[in-house]
């Protein structure tokens, strides 16, 4: 089975950005006030960004495994909010901060320690991701990609919709992704021979669980996002019998930056010879 990673564009405008810088802030047990030493580290980090062109900033809060889901979700959100306040205090434009989101508890995937206190301490954190625009040379090369369903395709192939960007914690799209999704619908209407499953994924949950949809309060965010794409494609004219949707929770993390796990994929299940 082959896996394709595609780049989708809005009429000559690049949406894809790379995360080239990151910072982590650690917290005391049950606290969301930023410790002095962590504040000093964060201020130095912010000052290093002053002369850099930034696409967007994402701030994600986490807790250790103690406490209820609701408590941890609220605590992680307060930690993320505390970091955003420091960014604002030191002159960072709020419009650059696209996500300020509490993720609740998370377990580190790889920790070379048997000391539970160390592991918990590493999970009481806020992750800050800084995304920069790609250089013009890369943009020119990638803008050659037009039809994401072009070329040889086989049953079992997966196509990751890289620029379908959801609002953090919700099943609705960021505004800039609507036009991208229109392009996806247009391509699918041209390729009537392709039948497929829309697969939703989330990141940063314990034991591969689904994430909570903040609109409904239900722990089914991966399915809600897949269903959003499904319903949108129906409205655009894609036949219902060509597609289905599933939520795969956090069962298949890609590793690396957490944003890559918050994704939607199309898996080809059948290709009709008649079209």
Protein backbone atom coordinates (compact mmCIF):
# COMPACT_ATOMS: atom_id res chain seq x y z
CA UNK A 1 0.00 0.00 0.00
CA UNK A 2 1.36 3.39 -0.99
CA UNK A 3 0.83 6.61 0.93
CA UNK A 4 0.75 9.97 -0.84
CA UNK A 5 1.38 13.30 0.88
CA UNK A 6 -0.02 16.12 -1.23
CA UNK A 7 0.11 19.90 -1.11
CA UNK A 8 -3.06 21.81 -2.04
CA UNK A 9 -3.05 25.48 -2.92
CA UNK A 10 -5.51 28.37 -3.19
CA UNK A 11 -5.15 29.87 -6.68
CA UNK A 12 -1.44 30.52 -6.55
CA UNK A 13 -1.34 31.33 -2.84
CA UNK A 14 0.75 29.08 -0.62
CA UNK A 15 -0.88 28.00 2.61
CA UNK A 16 1.58 25.38 3.77
CA UNK A 17 4.13 26.54 6.35
CA UNK A 18 6.93 24.75 8.09
CA UNK A 19 7.57 24.65 11.80
CA UNK A 20 11.19 25.74 12.12
CA UNK A 21 11.28 26.70 15.76
CA UNK A 22 9.70 25.54 19.00
CA UNK A 23 9.85 26.17 22.73
CA UNK A 24 8.52 24.33 25.78
CA UNK A 25 7.51 25.90 29.11
CA UNK A 26 7.21 23.69 32.20
CA UNK A 27 4.86 24.19 35.17
CA UNK A 28 4.61 23.17 38.81
CA UNK A 29 2.05 20.58 39.89
CA UNK A 30 -1.51 21.89 39.62
CA UNK A 31 -0.33 25.41 38.68
CA UNK A 32 -0.75 27.60 35.63
CA UNK A 33 1.28 30.56 36.86
CA UNK A 34 4.53 30.53 34.88
CA UNK A 35 7.56 29.96 37.19
CA UNK A 36 10.13 32.78 37.18
CA UNK A 37 12.88 30.71 35.57
CA UNK A 38 10.50 29.59 32.82
CA UNK A 39 9.33 33.18 32.30
CA UNK A 40 12.93 34.28 31.80
CA UNK A 41 13.54 31.48 29.29
CA UNK A 42 10.35 32.38 27.42
CA UNK A 43 11.20 36.09 27.25
CA UNK A 44 14.60 35.27 25.74
CA UNK A 45 12.86 33.07 23.21
CA UNK A 46 10.36 35.80 22.29
CA UNK A 47 13.16 38.36 21.90
CA UNK A 48 14.92 36.01 19.47
CA UNK A 49 11.85 36.17 17.20
CA UNK A 50 11.72 39.95 16.86
CA UNK A 51 13.41 40.19 13.45
CA UNK A 52 11.96 36.99 11.98
CA UNK A 53 9.04 36.77 9.57
CA UNK A 54 6.43 34.51 11.20
CA UNK A 55 3.48 32.79 9.53
CA UNK A 56 1.68 31.75 12.73
CA UNK A 57 2.20 30.80 16.37
CA UNK A 58 0.46 27.85 18.03
CA UNK A 59 0.31 27.40 21.82
CA UNK A 60 -0.76 24.03 23.30
CA UNK A 61 -1.16 23.29 27.02
CA UNK A 62 -0.81 19.86 28.67
CA UNK A 63 -0.98 18.26 32.13
CA UNK A 64 0.23 15.04 33.69
CA UNK A 65 -2.01 12.02 34.28
CA UNK A 66 -3.35 13.07 37.70
CA UNK A 67 -6.79 14.67 37.98
CA UNK A 68 -10.07 14.19 36.13
CA UNK A 69 -10.46 14.83 32.40
CA UNK A 70 -12.40 18.06 33.01
CA UNK A 71 -9.89 19.33 35.58
CA UNK A 72 -6.93 18.58 33.31
CA UNK A 73 -8.61 20.14 30.29
CA UNK A 74 -9.29 23.36 32.20
CA UNK A 75 -5.78 23.44 33.71
CA UNK A 76 -4.10 22.87 30.35
CA UNK A 77 -6.19 25.67 28.80
CA UNK A 78 -5.22 28.05 31.63
CA UNK A 79 -1.56 27.22 31.05
CA UNK A 80 -1.89 27.98 27.33
CA UNK A 81 -3.68 31.26 28.11
CA UNK A 82 -0.92 32.27 30.53
CA UNK A 83 1.70 31.86 27.82
CA UNK A 84 -0.36 33.88 25.33
CA UNK A 85 -0.53 36.76 27.84
CA UNK A 86 3.27 36.83 28.03
CA UNK A 87 3.55 36.91 24.24
CA UNK A 88 1.11 39.85 24.13
CA UNK A 89 2.89 41.64 26.97
CA UNK A 90 6.15 41.57 25.01
CA UNK A 91 4.70 42.97 21.81
CA UNK A 92 3.83 39.91 19.75
CA UNK A 93 0.87 40.62 17.46
CA UNK A 94 -2.18 38.65 18.63
CA UNK A 95 -3.14 38.07 14.99
CA UNK A 96 -0.08 35.81 14.62
CA UNK A 97 -1.33 33.49 17.38
CA UNK A 98 -3.68 31.13 15.55
CA UNK A 99 -4.16 28.51 18.27
CA UNK A 100 -4.30 28.74 22.07
CA UNK A 101 -5.55 25.35 23.14
CA UNK A 102 -5.57 23.14 26.21
CA UNK A 103 -5.17 19.46 25.39
CA UNK A 104 -5.55 17.98 28.88
CA UNK A 105 -3.29 15.14 29.94
CA UNK A 106 -0.75 13.56 27.63
CA UNK A 107 1.84 10.83 28.06
CA UNK A 108 5.20 11.28 26.40
CA UNK A 109 5.81 8.65 23.75
CA UNK A 110 9.50 8.16 24.50
CA UNK A 111 10.98 8.89 27.90
CA UNK A 112 14.27 7.31 29.00
CA UNK A 113 13.41 7.26 32.70
CA UNK A 114 11.62 4.97 35.12
CA UNK A 115 11.01 7.83 37.55
CA UNK A 116 7.29 8.66 37.41
CA UNK A 117 7.86 12.11 38.91
CA UNK A 118 10.25 12.99 36.09
CA UNK A 119 7.77 11.78 33.48
CA UNK A 120 4.94 13.75 35.05
CA UNK A 121 7.12 16.84 35.29
CA UNK A 122 7.84 16.67 31.57
CA UNK A 123 4.11 16.47 30.81
CA UNK A 124 3.21 19.60 32.82
CA UNK A 125 4.00 21.90 29.95
CA UNK A 126 3.02 24.23 27.16
CA UNK A 127 4.37 23.61 23.67
CA UNK A 128 4.92 26.65 21.43
CA UNK A 129 5.29 26.08 17.69
CA UNK A 130 6.50 28.86 15.40
CA UNK A 131 5.75 28.46 11.70
CA UNK A 132 7.59 30.37 8.99
CA UNK A 133 6.71 30.89 5.31
CA UNK A 134 8.63 28.74 2.90
CA UNK A 135 11.14 30.45 0.64
CA UNK A 136 10.10 31.58 -2.84
CA UNK A 137 12.05 28.84 -4.60
CA UNK A 138 10.14 26.13 -2.77
CA UNK A 139 6.84 27.93 -3.40
CA UNK A 140 7.44 28.06 -7.15
CA UNK A 141 8.21 24.34 -7.31
CA UNK A 142 5.23 23.31 -5.18
CA UNK A 143 2.74 25.53 -7.00
CA UNK A 144 3.10 23.20 -9.96
CA UNK A 145 0.82 20.78 -8.09
CA UNK A 146 -2.74 21.30 -9.34
CA UNK A 147 -4.90 18.17 -9.36
CA UNK A 148 -4.32 16.09 -6.25
CA UNK A 149 -5.88 13.03 -7.90
CA UNK A 150 -3.69 13.08 -10.99
CA UNK A 151 -1.35 10.20 -11.79
CA UNK A 152 -1.62 6.50 -11.13
CA UNK A 153 -3.79 5.61 -8.15
CA UNK A 154 -4.54 2.23 -6.63
CA UNK A 155 -6.98 0.81 -4.11
CA UNK A 156 -5.51 1.29 -0.64
CA UNK A 157 -3.67 4.53 -1.46
CA UNK A 158 -3.97 7.27 1.16
CA UNK A 159 -3.96 10.97 0.35
CA UNK A 160 -3.32 13.35 3.21
CA UNK A 161 -5.11 16.69 2.85
CA UNK A 162 -2.29 18.80 4.27
CA UNK A 163 -3.96 22.19 3.98
CA UNK A 164 -7.36 21.21 5.34
CA UNK A 165 -6.86 23.07 8.63
CA UNK A 166 -9.43 22.72 11.41
CA UNK A 167 -10.00 25.18 14.22
CA UNK A 168 -8.25 23.80 17.27
CA UNK A 169 -10.60 21.59 19.27
CA UNK A 170 -13.42 21.92 16.74
CA UNK A 171 -14.72 20.11 13.66
CA UNK A 172 -15.10 23.31 11.62
CA UNK A 173 -12.45 24.62 9.24
CA UNK A 174 -10.22 27.65 9.38
CA UNK A 175 -11.51 30.24 6.88
CA UNK A 176 -8.53 29.90 4.55
CA UNK A 177 -9.16 26.17 4.16
CA UNK A 178 -12.65 26.55 2.67
CA UNK A 179 -11.25 27.40 -0.78
CA UNK A 180 -8.83 24.49 -0.52
CA UNK A 181 -11.70 22.13 0.20
CA UNK A 182 -13.57 23.55 -2.79
CA UNK A 183 -10.63 22.45 -4.94
CA UNK A 184 -10.74 18.97 -3.41
CA UNK A 185 -14.47 18.72 -4.21
CA UNK A 186 -13.87 19.88 -7.77
CA UNK A 187 -11.21 17.19 -8.32
CA UNK A 188 -13.44 14.49 -6.84
CA UNK A 189 -16.29 15.51 -9.14
CA UNK A 190 -13.98 15.02 -12.11
CA UNK A 191 -12.82 11.59 -10.91
CA UNK A 192 -16.18 9.84 -10.65
CA UNK A 193 -14.39 6.48 -10.84
CA UNK A 194 -12.90 6.83 -7.36
CA UNK A 195 -14.67 5.55 -4.21
CA UNK A 196 -13.09 6.42 -0.90
CA UNK A 197 -13.20 6.67 2.90
CA UNK A 198 -12.60 9.97 4.69
CA UNK A 199 -10.44 9.27 7.75
CA UNK A 200 -10.22 11.76 10.62
CA UNK A 201 -7.30 11.87 13.09
CA UNK A 202 -6.41 13.84 16.23
CA UNK A 203 -3.27 14.30 18.27
CA UNK A 204 -2.07 14.25 21.81
CA UNK A 205 -4.53 11.98 23.60
CA UNK A 206 -3.87 9.23 26.12
CA UNK A 207 -4.11 5.57 25.06
CA UNK A 208 -5.06 6.49 21.46
CA UNK A 209 -8.37 8.00 22.61
CA UNK A 210 -10.34 10.48 20.57
CA UNK A 211 -10.21 14.18 21.45
CA UNK A 212 -13.13 16.22 22.80
CA UNK A 213 -15.15 18.28 20.32
CA UNK A 214 -15.45 21.62 22.13
CA UNK A 215 -18.70 22.45 20.33
CA UNK A 216 -20.57 19.35 21.54
CA UNK A 217 -18.46 18.22 24.51
CA UNK A 218 -18.33 14.72 23.05
CA UNK A 219 -15.10 12.73 22.73
CA UNK A 220 -15.49 12.08 19.00
CA UNK A 221 -13.53 14.88 17.35
CA UNK A 222 -11.80 12.72 14.73
CA UNK A 223 -15.14 11.40 13.47
CA UNK A 224 -16.75 14.85 13.64
CA UNK A 225 -14.01 16.26 11.41
CA UNK A 226 -14.33 13.41 8.91
CA UNK A 227 -18.11 13.90 8.87
CA UNK A 228 -17.66 17.63 8.24
CA UNK A 229 -15.69 16.86 5.07
CA UNK A 230 -18.24 14.20 4.09
CA UNK A 231 -21.19 16.60 4.44
CA UNK A 232 -19.36 19.36 2.57
CA UNK A 233 -18.60 17.07 -0.37
CA UNK A 234 -22.26 16.00 -0.53
CA UNK A 235 -23.30 19.66 -0.77
CA UNK A 236 -20.85 20.10 -3.65
CA UNK A 237 -22.38 17.19 -5.57
CA UNK A 238 -20.18 14.20 -4.72
CA UNK A 239 -22.42 11.09 -4.61
CA UNK A 240 -23.02 9.60 -1.17
CA UNK A 241 -22.46 6.06 -2.42
CA UNK A 242 -18.89 6.93 -3.37
CA UNK A 243 -17.74 7.71 0.14
CA UNK A 244 -17.97 6.96 3.82
CA UNK A 245 -16.32 8.52 6.87
CA UNK A 246 -14.59 7.16 9.99
CA UNK A 247 -12.81 8.59 13.04
CA UNK A 248 -9.48 6.93 13.77
CA UNK A 249 -8.87 8.83 17.01
CA UNK A 250 -5.13 9.02 17.81
CA UNK A 251 -4.40 5.46 16.72
CA UNK A 252 -1.94 6.36 13.94
CA UNK A 253 0.33 9.24 15.05
CA UNK A 254 2.94 10.28 12.51
CA UNK A 255 5.44 11.54 15.08
CA UNK A 256 7.26 14.87 14.99
CA UNK A 257 5.30 18.08 15.42
CA UNK A 258 1.85 17.47 16.89
CA UNK A 259 0.12 19.46 14.16
CA UNK A 260 0.76 16.67 11.65
CA UNK A 261 -1.43 14.28 13.65
CA UNK A 262 -4.43 16.61 13.37
CA UNK A 263 -5.19 15.52 9.84
CA UNK A 264 -7.76 14.21 7.40
CA UNK A 265 -6.93 11.53 4.88
CA UNK A 266 -8.73 10.06 1.90
CA UNK A 267 -8.24 6.30 1.48
CA UNK A 268 -9.18 4.92 -1.92
CA UNK A 269 -11.38 1.84 -1.51
CA UNK A 270 -12.50 1.15 -5.09
CA UNK A 271 -11.77 2.37 -8.62
CA UNK A 272 -14.48 1.79 -11.17
CA UNK A 273 -13.39 0.85 -14.69
CA UNK A 274 -16.48 2.56 -16.14
CA UNK A 275 -15.83 5.87 -14.37
